[in-house]
């Protein structure tokens, strides 16, 4: 089902303050403010995604907490507004639970893949990542792909949903060009995971498809030989045995 369209910036319209999208936006504001205060005491790094801390000290909560942190006022503002708008559009189409699970799940999975990459490319172990832009990218690209070839608009400019998704990818590419590819590793993984989810399906859907495929193979496979089957009492000299009557 495609997300609904309406007003704010042409992005599908903002949701109510009690919606899951609004709570995610408020979570980014609160998390970013908490990070600023915590950074003064040296605790702020524990809220970001730092692969070295996840691997060395098992700070696994960072897969979730980093999603609610932007490190500058403009990042806080744009992340909160876009997530409220695009997340609200997806929520009206998908429901609150699926939107929340999808947004945070893809963001956390992108963080996990970043940690795995850091084990191979060790300079990433000390790289801190703020994940509000990752969550923004997930919802932005998902909204565009969900709308597909349907017409929407970006700040009043008519375009298809697929084009809008490409613009979201373009922001990540620009960030990589100016700040370095290391800074956008989680966002890059998030784009790939979002595309896979929207085009292929969720892990549960993939499992169901695999089960269906395996069942079809079993049904279409060569029939078992019936030579091993024995007809009870097929000879006159061999009367039926009592144990076959039960």
C-alpha atoms as a PDB file:
ATOM      1  CA  UNK A   1       0.000   0.000   0.000  1.00  0.00           C
ATOM      2  CA  UNK A   2       1.346   3.410  -0.900  1.00  0.00           C
ATOM      3  CA  UNK A   3       1.779   6.152   1.705  1.00  0.00           C
ATOM      4  CA  UNK A   4      -0.601   9.055   1.672  1.00  0.00           C
ATOM      5  CA  UNK A   5       0.432  12.398   0.275  1.00  0.00           C
ATOM      6  CA  UNK A   6      -0.228  15.842   1.565  1.00  0.00           C
ATOM      7  CA  UNK A   7       1.337  19.052   2.538  1.00  0.00           C
ATOM      8  CA  UNK A   8       4.582  19.642   4.451  1.00  0.00           C
ATOM      9  CA  UNK A   9       7.246  20.142   1.809  1.00  0.00           C
ATOM     10  CA  UNK A  10       5.351  17.764  -0.432  1.00  0.00           C
ATOM     11  CA  UNK A  11       6.511  14.881   1.719  1.00  0.00           C
ATOM     12  CA  UNK A  12       3.306  13.140   2.591  1.00  0.00           C
ATOM     13  CA  UNK A  13       2.178  15.304   5.458  1.00  0.00           C
ATOM     14  CA  UNK A  14       3.027  15.442   9.135  1.00  0.00           C
ATOM     15  CA  UNK A  15       1.442  13.095  11.636  1.00  0.00           C
ATOM     16  CA  UNK A  16      -0.191  13.952  14.936  1.00  0.00           C
ATOM     17  CA  UNK A  17       1.844  14.566  18.065  1.00  0.00           C
ATOM     18  CA  UNK A  18       0.679  11.240  19.502  1.00  0.00           C
ATOM     19  CA  UNK A  19       1.908   9.235  16.512  1.00  0.00           C
ATOM     20  CA  UNK A  20       4.946   6.959  16.475  1.00  0.00           C
ATOM     21  CA  UNK A  21       6.623   9.264  13.952  1.00  0.00           C
ATOM     22  CA  UNK A  22       6.207  12.221  16.303  1.00  0.00           C
ATOM     23  CA  UNK A  23       7.661  10.202  19.170  1.00  0.00           C
ATOM     24  CA  UNK A  24      10.665   9.288  17.067  1.00  0.00           C
ATOM     25  CA  UNK A  25      11.157  12.971  16.231  1.00  0.00           C
ATOM     26  CA  UNK A  26      10.864  13.985  19.883  1.00  0.00           C
ATOM     27  CA  UNK A  27      13.253  11.174  20.766  1.00  0.00           C
ATOM     28  CA  UNK A  28      15.861  12.689  18.452  1.00  0.00           C
ATOM     29  CA  UNK A  29      15.461  16.108  20.068  1.00  0.00           C
ATOM     30  CA  UNK A  30      15.706  14.643  23.569  1.00  0.00           C
ATOM     31  CA  UNK A  31      18.541  12.278  22.697  1.00  0.00           C
ATOM     32  CA  UNK A  32      20.584  15.002  21.012  1.00  0.00           C
ATOM     33  CA  UNK A  33      20.186  17.346  23.985  1.00  0.00           C
ATOM     34  CA  UNK A  34      21.145  14.526  26.359  1.00  0.00           C
ATOM     35  CA  UNK A  35      24.193  13.840  24.231  1.00  0.00           C
ATOM     36  CA  UNK A  36      25.330  17.455  24.458  1.00  0.00           C
ATOM     37  CA  UNK A  37      25.139  17.428  28.240  1.00  0.00           C
ATOM     38  CA  UNK A  38      26.709  13.978  28.481  1.00  0.00           C
ATOM     39  CA  UNK A  39      29.566  15.000  26.186  1.00  0.00           C
ATOM     40  CA  UNK A  40      30.754  17.484  28.794  1.00  0.00           C
ATOM     41  CA  UNK A  41      31.329  14.671  31.269  1.00  0.00           C
ATOM     42  CA  UNK A  42      32.851  12.325  28.714  1.00  0.00           C
ATOM     43  CA  UNK A  43      29.804  10.037  28.715  1.00  0.00           C
ATOM     44  CA  UNK A  44      28.466  11.208  25.365  1.00  0.00           C
ATOM     45  CA  UNK A  45      30.641   8.839  23.373  1.00  0.00           C
ATOM     46  CA  UNK A  46      28.865   5.919  25.007  1.00  0.00           C
ATOM     47  CA  UNK A  47      25.595   7.017  23.385  1.00  0.00           C
ATOM     48  CA  UNK A  48      27.021   7.200  19.867  1.00  0.00           C
ATOM     49  CA  UNK A  49      27.899   4.141  17.821  1.00  0.00           C
ATOM     50  CA  UNK A  50      31.606   3.506  18.331  1.00  0.00           C
ATOM     51  CA  UNK A  51      32.555   0.091  16.902  1.00  0.00           C
ATOM     52  CA  UNK A  52      35.582  -0.192  19.169  1.00  0.00           C
ATOM     53  CA  UNK A  53      33.409   0.181  22.280  1.00  0.00           C
ATOM     54  CA  UNK A  54      30.854  -2.310  20.969  1.00  0.00           C
ATOM     55  CA  UNK A  55      33.559  -4.902  20.282  1.00  0.00           C
ATOM     56  CA  UNK A  56      35.844  -4.211  23.228  1.00  0.00           C
ATOM     57  CA  UNK A  57      33.399  -3.314  25.985  1.00  0.00           C
ATOM     58  CA  UNK A  58      30.131  -4.790  24.653  1.00  0.00           C
ATOM     59  CA  UNK A  59      28.268  -1.471  24.524  1.00  0.00           C
ATOM     60  CA  UNK A  60      25.520  -3.113  22.481  1.00  0.00           C
ATOM     61  CA  UNK A  61      22.933  -0.492  23.492  1.00  0.00           C
ATOM     62  CA  UNK A  62      24.660   1.847  21.043  1.00  0.00           C
ATOM     63  CA  UNK A  63      22.851   0.105  18.172  1.00  0.00           C
ATOM     64  CA  UNK A  64      19.690   1.759  19.489  1.00  0.00           C
ATOM     65  CA  UNK A  65      20.850   4.957  21.209  1.00  0.00           C
ATOM     66  CA  UNK A  66      22.839   6.284  18.258  1.00  0.00           C
ATOM     67  CA  UNK A  67      19.630   6.429  16.204  1.00  0.00           C
ATOM     68  CA  UNK A  68      18.371   9.312  18.369  1.00  0.00           C
ATOM     69  CA  UNK A  69      21.445  11.544  18.199  1.00  0.00           C
ATOM     70  CA  UNK A  70      22.304  14.420  15.864  1.00  0.00           C
ATOM     71  CA  UNK A  71      25.403  16.407  16.706  1.00  0.00           C
ATOM     72  CA  UNK A  72      24.400  19.910  15.555  1.00  0.00           C
ATOM     73  CA  UNK A  73      21.255  22.074  15.809  1.00  0.00           C
ATOM     74  CA  UNK A  74      20.491  21.969  12.084  1.00  0.00           C
ATOM     75  CA  UNK A  75      20.842  18.194  12.072  1.00  0.00           C
ATOM     76  CA  UNK A  76      18.439  17.936  14.996  1.00  0.00           C
ATOM     77  CA  UNK A  77      15.879  20.202  13.309  1.00  0.00           C
ATOM     78  CA  UNK A  78      15.935  18.643   9.836  1.00  0.00           C
ATOM     79  CA  UNK A  79      16.036  15.068  11.170  1.00  0.00           C
ATOM     80  CA  UNK A  80      13.088  15.628  13.492  1.00  0.00           C
ATOM     81  CA  UNK A  81      10.949  17.384  10.867  1.00  0.00           C
ATOM     82  CA  UNK A  82      11.616  14.937   8.040  1.00  0.00           C
ATOM     83  CA  UNK A  83      11.154  11.873  10.259  1.00  0.00           C
ATOM     84  CA  UNK A  84       7.910  13.321  11.595  1.00  0.00           C
ATOM     85  CA  UNK A  85       6.655  13.923   8.060  1.00  0.00           C
ATOM     86  CA  UNK A  86       7.876  10.843   6.196  1.00  0.00           C
ATOM     87  CA  UNK A  87       7.466   8.565   9.178  1.00  0.00           C
ATOM     88  CA  UNK A  88       3.925   9.829   9.583  1.00  0.00           C
ATOM     89  CA  UNK A  89       3.120   9.039   5.954  1.00  0.00           C
ATOM     90  CA  UNK A  90       4.485   5.506   6.284  1.00  0.00           C
ATOM     91  CA  UNK A  91       2.713   5.047   9.593  1.00  0.00           C
ATOM     92  CA  UNK A  92      -0.680   5.837   8.057  1.00  0.00           C
ATOM     93  CA  UNK A  93       0.004   3.174   5.455  1.00  0.00           C
ATOM     94  CA  UNK A  94       1.905   0.543   7.481  1.00  0.00           C
ATOM     95  CA  UNK A  95       0.679   1.089  11.005  1.00  0.00           C
ATOM     96  CA  UNK A  96       2.613   2.212  14.081  1.00  0.00           C
ATOM     97  CA  UNK A  97       4.197  -1.111  14.977  1.00  0.00           C
ATOM     98  CA  UNK A  98       5.575  -1.883  11.537  1.00  0.00           C
ATOM     99  CA  UNK A  99       6.897   1.651  11.074  1.00  0.00           C
ATOM    100  CA  UNK A 100       8.684   1.596  14.428  1.00  0.00           C
ATOM    101  CA  UNK A 101      10.100  -1.892  13.912  1.00  0.00           C
ATOM    102  CA  UNK A 102      11.219  -1.097  10.391  1.00  0.00           C
ATOM    103  CA  UNK A 103      12.838   2.257  11.179  1.00  0.00           C
ATOM    104  CA  UNK A 104      14.745   1.211  14.289  1.00  0.00           C
ATOM    105  CA  UNK A 105      15.396  -2.319  13.037  1.00  0.00           C
ATOM    106  CA  UNK A 106      17.061  -1.207   9.801  1.00  0.00           C
ATOM    107  CA  UNK A 107      19.033   1.477  11.639  1.00  0.00           C
ATOM    108  CA  UNK A 108      20.273  -1.022  14.240  1.00  0.00           C
ATOM    109  CA  UNK A 109      21.112  -3.586  11.543  1.00  0.00           C
ATOM    110  CA  UNK A 110      23.107  -0.947   9.651  1.00  0.00           C
ATOM    111  CA  UNK A 111      25.019  -0.274  12.865  1.00  0.00           C
ATOM    112  CA  UNK A 112      25.737  -3.978  13.317  1.00  0.00           C
ATOM    113  CA  UNK A 113      27.077  -4.255   9.754  1.00  0.00           C
ATOM    114  CA  UNK A 114      29.253  -1.205  10.417  1.00  0.00           C
ATOM    115  CA  UNK A 115      30.781  -2.930  13.438  1.00  0.00           C
ATOM    116  CA  UNK A 116      31.459  -6.050  11.355  1.00  0.00           C
ATOM    117  CA  UNK A 117      33.143  -3.922   8.686  1.00  0.00           C
ATOM    118  CA  UNK A 118      35.253  -2.276  11.399  1.00  0.00           C
ATOM    119  CA  UNK A 119      36.667  -5.687  12.283  1.00  0.00           C
ATOM    120  CA  UNK A 120      38.052  -5.838   8.731  1.00  0.00           C
ATOM    121  CA  UNK A 121      38.853  -2.140   8.235  1.00  0.00           C
ATOM    122  CA  UNK A 122      40.210  -1.323  11.663  1.00  0.00           C
ATOM    123  CA  UNK A 123      40.322   2.521  11.365  1.00  0.00           C
ATOM    124  CA  UNK A 124      36.524   2.414  11.734  1.00  0.00           C
ATOM    125  CA  UNK A 125      36.844   1.039  15.265  1.00  0.00           C
ATOM    126  CA  UNK A 126      37.498   4.522  16.643  1.00  0.00           C
ATOM    127  CA  UNK A 127      35.010   6.317  14.386  1.00  0.00           C
ATOM    128  CA  UNK A 128      31.935   7.650  16.259  1.00  0.00           C
ATOM    129  CA  UNK A 129      28.632   7.656  14.386  1.00  0.00           C
ATOM    130  CA  UNK A 130      25.495   9.666  15.110  1.00  0.00           C
ATOM    131  CA  UNK A 131      22.484   7.842  13.749  1.00  0.00           C
ATOM    132  CA  UNK A 132      19.691  10.407  13.394  1.00  0.00           C
ATOM    133  CA  UNK A 133      20.657  10.875   9.747  1.00  0.00           C
ATOM    134  CA  UNK A 134      20.676   7.103   9.311  1.00  0.00           C
ATOM    135  CA  UNK A 135      17.099   6.837  10.591  1.00  0.00           C
ATOM    136  CA  UNK A 136      16.147   9.796   8.386  1.00  0.00           C
ATOM    137  CA  UNK A 137      17.681   8.070   5.341  1.00  0.00           C
ATOM    138  CA  UNK A 138      15.831   4.830   6.086  1.00  0.00           C
ATOM    139  CA  UNK A 139      12.419   6.504   6.218  1.00  0.00           C
ATOM    140  CA  UNK A 140      13.160   8.823   3.293  1.00  0.00           C
ATOM    141  CA  UNK A 141      14.224   6.049   0.919  1.00  0.00           C
ATOM    142  CA  UNK A 142      11.433   3.747   2.123  1.00  0.00           C
ATOM    143  CA  UNK A 143       8.814   6.430   1.480  1.00  0.00           C
ATOM    144  CA  UNK A 144      10.126   7.058  -2.037  1.00  0.00           C
ATOM    145  CA  UNK A 145      10.275   3.366  -2.933  1.00  0.00           C
ATOM    146  CA  UNK A 146       6.831   2.766  -1.435  1.00  0.00           C
ATOM    147  CA  UNK A 147       5.394   5.495  -3.689  1.00  0.00           C
ATOM    148  CA  UNK A 148       7.366   4.158  -6.660  1.00  0.00           C
ATOM    149  CA  UNK A 149       6.305   5.646  -9.986  1.00  0.00           C
ATOM    150  CA  UNK A 150       3.477   7.591  -8.419  1.00  0.00           C
ATOM    151  CA  UNK A 151       3.715  11.363  -8.475  1.00  0.00           C
ATOM    152  CA  UNK A 152       4.694  13.258  -5.346  1.00  0.00           C
ATOM    153  CA  UNK A 153       6.720  16.450  -4.926  1.00  0.00           C
ATOM    154  CA  UNK A 154       9.878  17.660  -3.239  1.00  0.00           C
ATOM    155  CA  UNK A 155       9.475  21.206  -1.923  1.00  0.00           C
ATOM    156  CA  UNK A 156       6.919  21.910  -4.644  1.00  0.00           C
ATOM    157  CA  UNK A 157       8.861  20.193  -7.460  1.00  0.00           C
ATOM    158  CA  UNK A 158       6.816  17.341  -9.007  1.00  0.00           C
ATOM    159  CA  UNK A 159       8.622  14.005  -9.189  1.00  0.00           C
ATOM    160  CA  UNK A 160       8.056  10.306  -8.772  1.00  0.00           C
ATOM    161  CA  UNK A 161       8.622   8.465  -5.534  1.00  0.00           C
ATOM    162  CA  UNK A 162      11.610   6.661  -7.048  1.00  0.00           C
ATOM    163  CA  UNK A 163      13.220  10.005  -7.862  1.00  0.00           C
ATOM    164  CA  UNK A 164      12.589  11.183  -4.325  1.00  0.00           C
ATOM    165  CA  UNK A 165      14.320   8.051  -3.032  1.00  0.00           C
ATOM    166  CA  UNK A 166      17.308   8.820  -5.282  1.00  0.00           C
ATOM    167  CA  UNK A 167      17.499  12.317  -3.803  1.00  0.00           C
ATOM    168  CA  UNK A 168      17.767  10.737  -0.360  1.00  0.00           C
ATOM    169  CA  UNK A 169      20.610   8.579  -1.641  1.00  0.00           C
ATOM    170  CA  UNK A 170      22.175  11.670  -3.223  1.00  0.00           C
ATOM    171  CA  UNK A 171      22.412  13.420   0.145  1.00  0.00           C
ATOM    172  CA  UNK A 172      24.411  10.484   1.482  1.00  0.00           C
ATOM    173  CA  UNK A 173      26.700  10.573  -1.563  1.00  0.00           C
ATOM    174  CA  UNK A 174      27.288  14.324  -1.114  1.00  0.00           C
ATOM    175  CA  UNK A 175      28.067  13.817   2.548  1.00  0.00           C
ATOM    176  CA  UNK A 176      30.588  11.152   1.594  1.00  0.00           C
ATOM    177  CA  UNK A 177      32.177  13.473  -0.968  1.00  0.00           C
ATOM    178  CA  UNK A 178      32.648  16.305   1.539  1.00  0.00           C
ATOM    179  CA  UNK A 179      33.214  14.453   4.832  1.00  0.00           C
ATOM    180  CA  UNK A 180      34.673  11.144   3.650  1.00  0.00           C
ATOM    181  CA  UNK A 181      33.116   7.758   3.018  1.00  0.00           C
ATOM    182  CA  UNK A 182      33.903   6.580   6.552  1.00  0.00           C
ATOM    183  CA  UNK A 183      31.306   8.983   7.954  1.00  0.00           C
ATOM    184  CA  UNK A 184      28.445   7.525   5.910  1.00  0.00           C
ATOM    185  CA  UNK A 185      29.071   3.794   6.321  1.00  0.00           C
ATOM    186  CA  UNK A 186      25.916   3.185   8.427  1.00  0.00           C
ATOM    187  CA  UNK A 187      23.817   5.249   6.012  1.00  0.00           C
ATOM    188  CA  UNK A 188      25.153   3.270   3.052  1.00  0.00           C
ATOM    189  CA  UNK A 189      24.275  -0.005   4.752  1.00  0.00           C
ATOM    190  CA  UNK A 190      20.860   1.427   5.682  1.00  0.00           C
ATOM    191  CA  UNK A 191      20.127   2.270   2.035  1.00  0.00           C
ATOM    192  CA  UNK A 192      21.023  -1.256   0.918  1.00  0.00           C
ATOM    193  CA  UNK A 193      18.910  -2.848   3.669  1.00  0.00           C
ATOM    194  CA  UNK A 194      15.970  -0.556   2.958  1.00  0.00           C
ATOM    195  CA  UNK A 195      16.082  -1.345  -0.741  1.00  0.00           C
ATOM    196  CA  UNK A 196      16.219  -5.060   0.051  1.00  0.00           C
ATOM    197  CA  UNK A 197      13.254  -4.810   2.397  1.00  0.00           C
ATOM    198  CA  UNK A 198      11.141  -2.822  -0.042  1.00  0.00           C
ATOM    199  CA  UNK A 199      12.012  -4.834  -3.148  1.00  0.00           C
ATOM    200  CA  UNK A 200      12.550  -8.364  -1.785  1.00  0.00           C
ATOM    201  CA  UNK A 201      10.692  -8.454   1.522  1.00  0.00           C
ATOM    202  CA  UNK A 202      11.205  -8.750   5.249  1.00  0.00           C
ATOM    203  CA  UNK A 203      13.233 -11.643   6.760  1.00  0.00           C
ATOM    204  CA  UNK A 204       9.957 -13.287   7.790  1.00  0.00           C
ATOM    205  CA  UNK A 205       8.624 -12.998   4.248  1.00  0.00           C
ATOM    206  CA  UNK A 206      11.865 -14.437   2.848  1.00  0.00           C
ATOM    207  CA  UNK A 207      11.591 -17.388   5.227  1.00  0.00           C
ATOM    208  CA  UNK A 208       7.992 -18.042   4.152  1.00  0.00           C
ATOM    209  CA  UNK A 209       9.021 -17.899   0.503  1.00  0.00           C
ATOM    210  CA  UNK A 210      11.819 -20.365   1.181  1.00  0.00           C
ATOM    211  CA  UNK A 211       9.432 -22.723   2.934  1.00  0.00           C
ATOM    212  CA  UNK A 212       6.994 -22.467   0.026  1.00  0.00           C
ATOM    213  CA  UNK A 213       9.781 -23.127  -2.485  1.00  0.00           C
ATOM    214  CA  UNK A 214      11.010 -26.142  -0.540  1.00  0.00           C
ATOM    215  CA  UNK A 215       7.489 -27.570  -0.328  1.00  0.00           C
ATOM    216  CA  UNK A 216       6.996 -27.134  -4.073  1.00  0.00           C
ATOM    217  CA  UNK A 217      10.272 -28.945  -4.748  1.00  0.00           C
ATOM    218  CA  UNK A 218       9.147 -31.831  -2.590  1.00  0.00           C
ATOM    219  CA  UNK A 219       5.806 -32.047  -4.378  1.00  0.00           C
ATOM    220  CA  UNK A 220       7.367 -31.843  -7.843  1.00  0.00           C
ATOM    221  CA  UNK A 221      10.203 -34.238  -7.028  1.00  0.00           C
ATOM    222  CA  UNK A 222      10.401 -37.783  -8.421  1.00  0.00           C
ATOM    223  CA  UNK A 223       7.802 -40.070  -6.989  1.00  0.00           C
ATOM    224  CA  UNK A 224       9.048 -42.676  -4.634  1.00  0.00           C
ATOM    225  CA  UNK A 225       9.146 -46.198  -5.934  1.00  0.00           C
ATOM    226  CA  UNK A 226       6.218 -48.272  -4.933  1.00  0.00           C
ATOM    227  CA  UNK A 227       8.162 -51.521  -5.121  1.00  0.00           C
ATOM    228  CA  UNK A 228       8.715 -51.458  -1.392  1.00  0.00           C
ATOM    229  CA  UNK A 229       4.979 -51.428  -0.720  1.00  0.00           C
ATOM    230  CA  UNK A 230       3.466 -54.783   0.094  1.00  0.00           C
ATOM    231  CA  UNK A 231      -0.133 -55.742  -0.511  1.00  0.00           C
ATOM    232  CA  UNK A 232      -1.392 -57.607   2.509  1.00  0.00           C
ATOM    233  CA  UNK A 233      -2.836 -60.981   1.660  1.00  0.00           C
ATOM    234  CA  UNK A 234      -2.081 -60.860  -2.066  1.00  0.00           C
ATOM    235  CA  UNK A 235      -1.321 -64.561  -2.097  1.00  0.00           C
ATOM    236  CA  UNK A 236      -3.801 -67.287  -1.308  1.00  0.00           C
ATOM    237  CA  UNK A 237      -1.274 -69.141   0.763  1.00  0.00           C
ATOM    238  CA  UNK A 238      -0.579 -66.109   2.902  1.00  0.00           C
ATOM    239  CA  UNK A 239      -3.654 -65.055   4.918  1.00  0.00           C
ATOM    240  CA  UNK A 240      -3.772 -61.582   6.407  1.00  0.00           C
ATOM    241  CA  UNK A 241      -1.970 -61.176   9.659  1.00  0.00           C
ATOM    242  CA  UNK A 242      -3.853 -60.059  12.721  1.00  0.00           C
ATOM    243  CA  UNK A 243      -1.524 -57.122  13.359  1.00  0.00           C
ATOM    244  CA  UNK A 244      -2.672 -55.422  10.158  1.00  0.00           C
ATOM    245  CA  UNK A 245      -6.263 -55.387  11.308  1.00  0.00           C
ATOM    246  CA  UNK A 246      -5.612 -52.819  14.087  1.00  0.00           C
END
